[in-house]
Amino acid sequence: MLNLLLIDDDPNQHKILSCFLRKKYGADADFTSALDLDEALAHLAGQSFDVIFLDNRLPPYSDFTETIGGIVDISPDSDIYLISADRDKVSLNLCKSHGIVEMIDKFELREAVSEGLLG
């Protein structure tokens, strides 16, 4: 079973991705939602995740460089994908230096998963 965590302040993103994953993977994927960093860290402290989708701008933080450290400290073996609506403004080299596997446009996340992002 694939364990996934979405960290995003937009509750609609959680609903959409949850429905999409349930339809595509059924019982083969366990989906967990976190609306802020504290909630995400609590989930990470109690469970391991294969894949983490991290929103680039998670209030009150300005970008992922302020949030990823705590995530990686707790879950160093997770594949972390950065999702951003401003993908063109985020340095791919900066992402890689922080352990990000790949950056995905927030509006293309469902398509990326559908096209084999998760294997």
N, C-alpha and C. Protein backbone atom coordinates (compact mmCIF):
# COMPACT_ATOMS: atom_id res chain seq x y z
N MET A 1 0.85 -1.18 0.00
CA MET A 1 0.00 0.00 0.00
C MET A 1 0.89 1.24 0.00
N LEU A 2 0.48 2.23 -0.73
CA LEU A 2 1.18 3.50 -0.84
C LEU A 2 0.58 4.50 0.14
N ASN A 3 1.43 5.04 1.03
CA ASN A 3 0.97 6.03 2.01
C ASN A 3 1.33 7.42 1.53
N LEU A 4 0.32 8.27 1.36
CA LEU A 4 0.51 9.62 0.84
C LEU A 4 0.05 10.67 1.84
N LEU A 5 0.79 11.77 1.90
CA LEU A 5 0.43 12.90 2.74
C LEU A 5 0.41 14.16 1.88
N LEU A 6 -0.69 14.89 1.91
CA LEU A 6 -0.78 16.19 1.25
C LEU A 6 -0.76 17.26 2.31
N ILE A 7 0.21 18.19 2.18
CA ILE A 7 0.30 19.34 3.09
C ILE A 7 -0.01 20.57 2.27
N ASP A 8 -1.22 21.11 2.46
CA ASP A 8 -1.69 22.23 1.65
C ASP A 8 -2.77 22.96 2.44
N ASP A 9 -2.75 24.28 2.41
CA ASP A 9 -3.73 25.07 3.17
C ASP A 9 -5.07 25.20 2.46
N ASP A 10 -5.19 24.70 1.25
CA ASP A 10 -6.42 24.79 0.47
C ASP A 10 -7.24 23.51 0.65
N PRO A 11 -8.34 23.56 1.42
CA PRO A 11 -9.12 22.34 1.66
C PRO A 11 -9.70 21.74 0.38
N ASN A 12 -9.94 22.57 -0.62
CA ASN A 12 -10.45 22.03 -1.89
C ASN A 12 -9.44 21.13 -2.58
N GLN A 13 -8.16 21.47 -2.46
CA GLN A 13 -7.11 20.64 -3.03
C GLN A 13 -7.14 19.24 -2.40
N HIS A 14 -7.39 19.18 -1.10
CA HIS A 14 -7.46 17.90 -0.40
C HIS A 14 -8.64 17.07 -0.90
N LYS A 15 -9.79 17.70 -1.04
CA LYS A 15 -10.97 16.98 -1.51
C LYS A 15 -10.77 16.44 -2.92
N ILE A 16 -10.24 17.26 -3.78
CA ILE A 16 -10.05 16.86 -5.18
C ILE A 16 -9.05 15.71 -5.28
N LEU A 17 -7.88 15.86 -4.62
CA LEU A 17 -6.87 14.82 -4.72
C LEU A 17 -7.33 13.53 -4.05
N SER A 18 -8.05 13.64 -2.94
CA SER A 18 -8.57 12.46 -2.26
C SER A 18 -9.51 11.68 -3.16
N CYS A 19 -10.43 12.37 -3.79
CA CYS A 19 -11.38 11.71 -4.70
C CYS A 19 -10.65 11.07 -5.88
N PHE A 20 -9.69 11.80 -6.43
CA PHE A 20 -8.95 11.30 -7.58
C PHE A 20 -8.15 10.04 -7.20
N LEU A 21 -7.45 10.07 -6.08
CA LEU A 21 -6.65 8.92 -5.66
C LEU A 21 -7.53 7.71 -5.35
N ARG A 22 -8.66 7.95 -4.71
CA ARG A 22 -9.59 6.86 -4.39
C ARG A 22 -10.09 6.21 -5.68
N LYS A 23 -10.40 7.04 -6.67
CA LYS A 23 -10.90 6.51 -7.95
C LYS A 23 -9.81 5.76 -8.69
N LYS A 24 -8.58 6.28 -8.69
CA LYS A 24 -7.50 5.69 -9.46
C LYS A 24 -6.88 4.48 -8.77
N TYR A 25 -6.65 4.55 -7.45
CA TYR A 25 -5.92 3.51 -6.74
C TYR A 25 -6.76 2.68 -5.77
N GLY A 26 -7.95 3.15 -5.44
CA GLY A 26 -8.80 2.42 -4.52
C GLY A 26 -8.11 2.17 -3.19
N ALA A 27 -8.12 0.92 -2.74
CA ALA A 27 -7.53 0.56 -1.44
C ALA A 27 -6.01 0.47 -1.48
N ASP A 28 -5.40 0.65 -2.65
CA ASP A 28 -3.95 0.56 -2.76
C ASP A 28 -3.23 1.82 -2.33
N ALA A 29 -3.96 2.86 -1.99
CA ALA A 29 -3.35 4.11 -1.53
C ALA A 29 -4.08 4.62 -0.29
N ASP A 30 -3.30 4.98 0.71
CA ASP A 30 -3.85 5.56 1.93
C ASP A 30 -3.51 7.05 1.90
N PHE A 31 -4.53 7.90 1.90
CA PHE A 31 -4.35 9.34 1.75
C PHE A 31 -4.62 10.06 3.06
N THR A 32 -3.66 10.89 3.47
CA THR A 32 -3.78 11.68 4.69
C THR A 32 -3.63 13.16 4.33
N SER A 33 -4.43 14.00 4.97
CA SER A 33 -4.41 15.44 4.71
C SER A 33 -3.89 16.21 5.91
N ALA A 34 -3.16 17.29 5.61
CA ALA A 34 -2.74 18.24 6.65
C ALA A 34 -2.90 19.64 6.07
N LEU A 35 -3.59 20.50 6.80
CA LEU A 35 -3.84 21.85 6.33
C LEU A 35 -2.76 22.85 6.74
N ASP A 36 -1.88 22.44 7.66
CA ASP A 36 -0.79 23.33 8.07
C ASP A 36 0.41 22.49 8.51
N LEU A 37 1.51 23.14 8.77
CA LEU A 37 2.74 22.44 9.11
C LEU A 37 2.62 21.67 10.42
N ASP A 38 1.99 22.26 11.43
CA ASP A 38 1.86 21.57 12.72
C ASP A 38 1.08 20.26 12.57
N GLU A 39 0.00 20.30 11.83
CA GLU A 39 -0.80 19.09 11.60
C GLU A 39 0.03 18.05 10.84
N ALA A 40 0.79 18.50 9.86
CA ALA A 40 1.64 17.59 9.08
C ALA A 40 2.69 16.93 9.96
N LEU A 41 3.34 17.72 10.81
CA LEU A 41 4.37 17.17 11.68
C LEU A 41 3.79 16.17 12.67
N ALA A 42 2.57 16.40 13.12
CA ALA A 42 1.90 15.45 14.02
C ALA A 42 1.65 14.13 13.30
N HIS A 43 1.19 14.19 12.05
CA HIS A 43 0.98 12.97 11.25
C HIS A 43 2.31 12.25 11.04
N LEU A 44 3.35 12.99 10.70
CA LEU A 44 4.66 12.41 10.43
C LEU A 44 5.26 11.76 11.67
N ALA A 45 4.97 12.31 12.83
CA ALA A 45 5.49 11.74 14.07
C ALA A 45 4.86 10.39 14.38
N GLY A 46 3.66 10.16 13.87
CA GLY A 46 2.94 8.93 14.18
C GLY A 46 2.90 7.90 13.07
N GLN A 47 3.36 8.26 11.88
CA GLN A 47 3.21 7.37 10.74
C GLN A 47 4.26 7.71 9.70
N SER A 48 4.70 6.72 8.96
CA SER A 48 5.63 6.99 7.86
C SER A 48 4.83 7.12 6.55
N PHE A 49 5.34 7.94 5.65
CA PHE A 49 4.69 8.17 4.37
C PHE A 49 5.69 7.92 3.24
N ASP A 50 5.21 7.25 2.21
CA ASP A 50 6.04 7.02 1.03
C ASP A 50 6.22 8.30 0.24
N VAL A 51 5.12 9.05 0.12
CA VAL A 51 5.10 10.26 -0.69
C VAL A 51 4.48 11.40 0.10
N ILE A 52 5.13 12.55 0.02
CA ILE A 52 4.59 13.77 0.62
C ILE A 52 4.48 14.82 -0.47
N PHE A 53 3.29 15.38 -0.62
CA PHE A 53 3.07 16.52 -1.51
C PHE A 53 3.04 17.76 -0.63
N LEU A 54 3.98 18.67 -0.86
CA LEU A 54 4.13 19.86 -0.02
C LEU A 54 3.82 21.11 -0.83
N ASP A 55 2.88 21.90 -0.35
CA ASP A 55 2.56 23.18 -0.97
C ASP A 55 3.74 24.13 -0.77
N ASN A 56 4.12 24.84 -1.82
CA ASN A 56 5.24 25.76 -1.74
C ASN A 56 4.99 26.87 -0.73
N ARG A 57 3.79 27.42 -0.72
CA ARG A 57 3.46 28.54 0.18
C ARG A 57 2.42 28.09 1.19
N LEU A 58 2.89 27.72 2.34
CA LEU A 58 2.04 27.23 3.40
C LEU A 58 2.04 28.28 4.52
N PRO A 59 0.99 29.11 4.59
CA PRO A 59 0.97 30.19 5.58
C PRO A 59 1.23 29.66 7.00
N PRO A 60 1.94 30.40 7.78
CA PRO A 60 2.43 31.77 7.59
C PRO A 60 3.81 31.86 6.95
N TYR A 61 4.31 30.76 6.42
CA TYR A 61 5.64 30.72 5.84
C TYR A 61 5.64 31.24 4.41
N SER A 62 6.77 31.81 4.00
CA SER A 62 6.83 32.41 2.66
C SER A 62 7.04 31.37 1.56
N ASP A 63 7.77 30.29 1.85
CA ASP A 63 7.94 29.23 0.85
C ASP A 63 8.47 27.96 1.51
N PHE A 64 8.70 26.94 0.69
CA PHE A 64 9.05 25.61 1.20
C PHE A 64 10.37 25.58 1.97
N THR A 65 11.26 26.52 1.72
CA THR A 65 12.54 26.50 2.41
C THR A 65 12.36 26.68 3.92
N GLU A 66 11.22 27.22 4.33
CA GLU A 66 10.93 27.43 5.75
C GLU A 66 10.17 26.26 6.38
N THR A 67 9.67 25.35 5.56
CA THR A 67 8.86 24.25 6.09
C THR A 67 9.51 22.88 5.92
N ILE A 68 10.33 22.73 4.91
CA ILE A 68 10.82 21.39 4.57
C ILE A 68 11.78 20.81 5.60
N GLY A 69 12.52 21.65 6.29
CA GLY A 69 13.49 21.15 7.26
C GLY A 69 12.88 20.25 8.31
N GLY A 70 11.79 20.69 8.91
CA GLY A 70 11.12 19.89 9.92
C GLY A 70 10.54 18.61 9.36
N ILE A 71 10.09 18.66 8.14
CA ILE A 71 9.52 17.48 7.48
C ILE A 71 10.60 16.44 7.22
N VAL A 72 11.71 16.88 6.65
CA VAL A 72 12.81 15.96 6.34
C VAL A 72 13.42 15.38 7.62
N ASP A 73 13.49 16.19 8.67
CA ASP A 73 14.04 15.69 9.94
C ASP A 73 13.24 14.50 10.47
N ILE A 74 11.93 14.56 10.35
CA ILE A 74 11.06 13.49 10.86
C ILE A 74 10.92 12.35 9.86
N SER A 75 10.92 12.68 8.57
CA SER A 75 10.63 11.68 7.54
C SER A 75 11.66 11.73 6.42
N PRO A 76 12.92 11.36 6.71
CA PRO A 76 13.99 11.50 5.72
C PRO A 76 13.87 10.58 4.51
N ASP A 77 13.11 9.51 4.63
CA ASP A 77 13.02 8.55 3.53
C ASP A 77 11.82 8.77 2.60
N SER A 78 10.98 9.74 2.90
CA SER A 78 9.82 10.03 2.05
C SER A 78 10.25 10.73 0.78
N ASP A 79 9.56 10.41 -0.32
CA ASP A 79 9.72 11.17 -1.56
C ASP A 79 8.86 12.42 -1.43
N ILE A 80 9.49 13.59 -1.53
CA ILE A 80 8.77 14.85 -1.36
C ILE A 80 8.64 15.55 -2.70
N TYR A 81 7.40 15.87 -3.04
CA TYR A 81 7.10 16.60 -4.27
C TYR A 81 6.58 17.97 -3.88
N LEU A 82 7.16 18.99 -4.46
CA LEU A 82 6.72 20.36 -4.20
C LEU A 82 5.63 20.71 -5.19
N ILE A 83 4.50 21.21 -4.68
CA ILE A 83 3.44 21.67 -5.57
C ILE A 83 3.35 23.19 -5.45
N SER A 84 3.27 23.83 -6.61
CA SER A 84 3.28 25.29 -6.63
C SER A 84 2.49 25.83 -7.80
N ALA A 85 1.74 26.88 -7.55
CA ALA A 85 1.04 27.57 -8.64
C ALA A 85 1.99 28.51 -9.37
N ASP A 86 3.15 28.79 -8.78
CA ASP A 86 4.16 29.68 -9.38
C ASP A 86 5.43 28.89 -9.71
N ARG A 87 5.27 27.79 -10.38
CA ARG A 87 6.39 26.90 -10.66
C ARG A 87 7.54 27.60 -11.38
N ASP A 88 7.23 28.54 -12.25
CA ASP A 88 8.27 29.24 -13.01
C ASP A 88 9.15 30.11 -12.13
N LYS A 89 8.67 30.45 -10.93
CA LYS A 89 9.42 31.33 -10.05
C LYS A 89 10.26 30.58 -9.01
N VAL A 90 10.18 29.27 -8.99
CA VAL A 90 10.90 28.46 -8.01
C VAL A 90 12.07 27.77 -8.70
N SER A 91 13.25 27.89 -8.12
CA SER A 91 14.45 27.30 -8.68
C SER A 91 14.46 25.78 -8.48
N LEU A 92 14.61 25.05 -9.58
CA LEU A 92 14.67 23.60 -9.50
C LEU A 92 15.92 23.17 -8.73
N ASN A 93 17.02 23.88 -8.91
CA ASN A 93 18.24 23.56 -8.16
C ASN A 93 18.04 23.74 -6.67
N LEU A 94 17.33 24.78 -6.27
CA LEU A 94 17.02 25.00 -4.87
C LEU A 94 16.17 23.85 -4.33
N CYS A 95 15.21 23.42 -5.11
CA CYS A 95 14.37 22.29 -4.72
C CYS A 95 15.22 21.05 -4.48
N LYS A 96 16.05 20.72 -5.45
CA LYS A 96 16.89 19.52 -5.36
C LYS A 96 17.82 19.59 -4.15
N SER A 97 18.35 20.78 -3.86
CA SER A 97 19.26 20.91 -2.72
C SER A 97 18.55 20.71 -1.38
N HIS A 98 17.23 20.80 -1.37
CA HIS A 98 16.45 20.57 -0.16
C HIS A 98 15.80 19.18 -0.15
N GLY A 99 16.13 18.35 -1.12
CA GLY A 99 15.61 16.99 -1.13
C GLY A 99 14.30 16.80 -1.85
N ILE A 100 13.86 17.80 -2.58
CA ILE A 100 12.63 17.67 -3.36
C ILE A 100 12.89 16.76 -4.56
N VAL A 101 12.02 15.78 -4.76
CA VAL A 101 12.16 14.86 -5.88
C VAL A 101 11.81 15.56 -7.19
N GLU A 102 10.69 16.27 -7.16
CA GLU A 102 10.20 16.94 -8.37
C GLU A 102 9.26 18.06 -7.96
N MET A 103 9.17 19.05 -8.83
CA MET A 103 8.23 20.15 -8.62
C MET A 103 7.08 19.97 -9.61
N ILE A 104 5.86 20.16 -9.13
CA ILE A 104 4.66 19.96 -9.94
C ILE A 104 3.79 21.20 -9.87
N ASP A 105 3.28 21.62 -11.00
CA ASP A 105 2.32 22.72 -11.03
C ASP A 105 1.08 22.28 -10.25
N LYS A 106 0.63 23.13 -9.36
CA LYS A 106 -0.51 22.81 -8.50
C LYS A 106 -1.74 22.40 -9.31
N PHE A 107 -1.91 23.02 -10.47
CA PHE A 107 -3.09 22.75 -11.28
C PHE A 107 -2.91 21.53 -12.18
N GLU A 108 -1.71 20.93 -12.16
CA GLU A 108 -1.44 19.74 -12.97
C GLU A 108 -1.16 18.51 -12.11
N LEU A 109 -1.38 18.62 -10.81
CA LEU A 109 -1.07 17.52 -9.90
C LEU A 109 -1.84 16.25 -10.25
N ARG A 110 -3.12 16.35 -10.48
CA ARG A 110 -3.91 15.16 -10.81
C ARG A 110 -3.41 14.50 -12.08
N GLU A 111 -3.07 15.31 -13.09
CA GLU A 111 -2.58 14.77 -14.34
C GLU A 111 -1.23 14.08 -14.14
N ALA A 112 -0.37 14.67 -13.33
CA ALA A 112 0.95 14.08 -13.08
C ALA A 112 0.81 12.72 -12.39
N VAL A 113 -0.09 12.62 -11.44
CA VAL A 113 -0.34 11.35 -10.76
C VAL A 113 -0.90 10.34 -11.77
N SER A 114 -1.82 10.78 -12.58
CA SER A 114 -2.44 9.92 -13.58
C SER A 114 -1.44 9.38 -14.59
N GLU A 115 -0.43 10.19 -14.91
CA GLU A 115 0.55 9.80 -15.91
C GLU A 115 1.72 9.00 -15.34
N GLY A 116 1.59 8.54 -14.10
CA GLY A 116 2.58 7.63 -13.55
C GLY A 116 3.56 8.21 -12.57
N LEU A 117 3.29 9.39 -12.03
CA LEU A 117 4.19 10.01 -11.06
C LEU A 117 4.52 9.09 -9.89
N LEU A 118 3.54 8.33 -9.44
CA LEU A 118 3.74 7.49 -8.26
C LEU A 118 4.15 6.07 -8.60
N GLY A 119 4.51 5.83 -9.83
CA GLY A 119 5.02 4.52 -10.19
C GLY A 119 4.07 3.61 -10.88
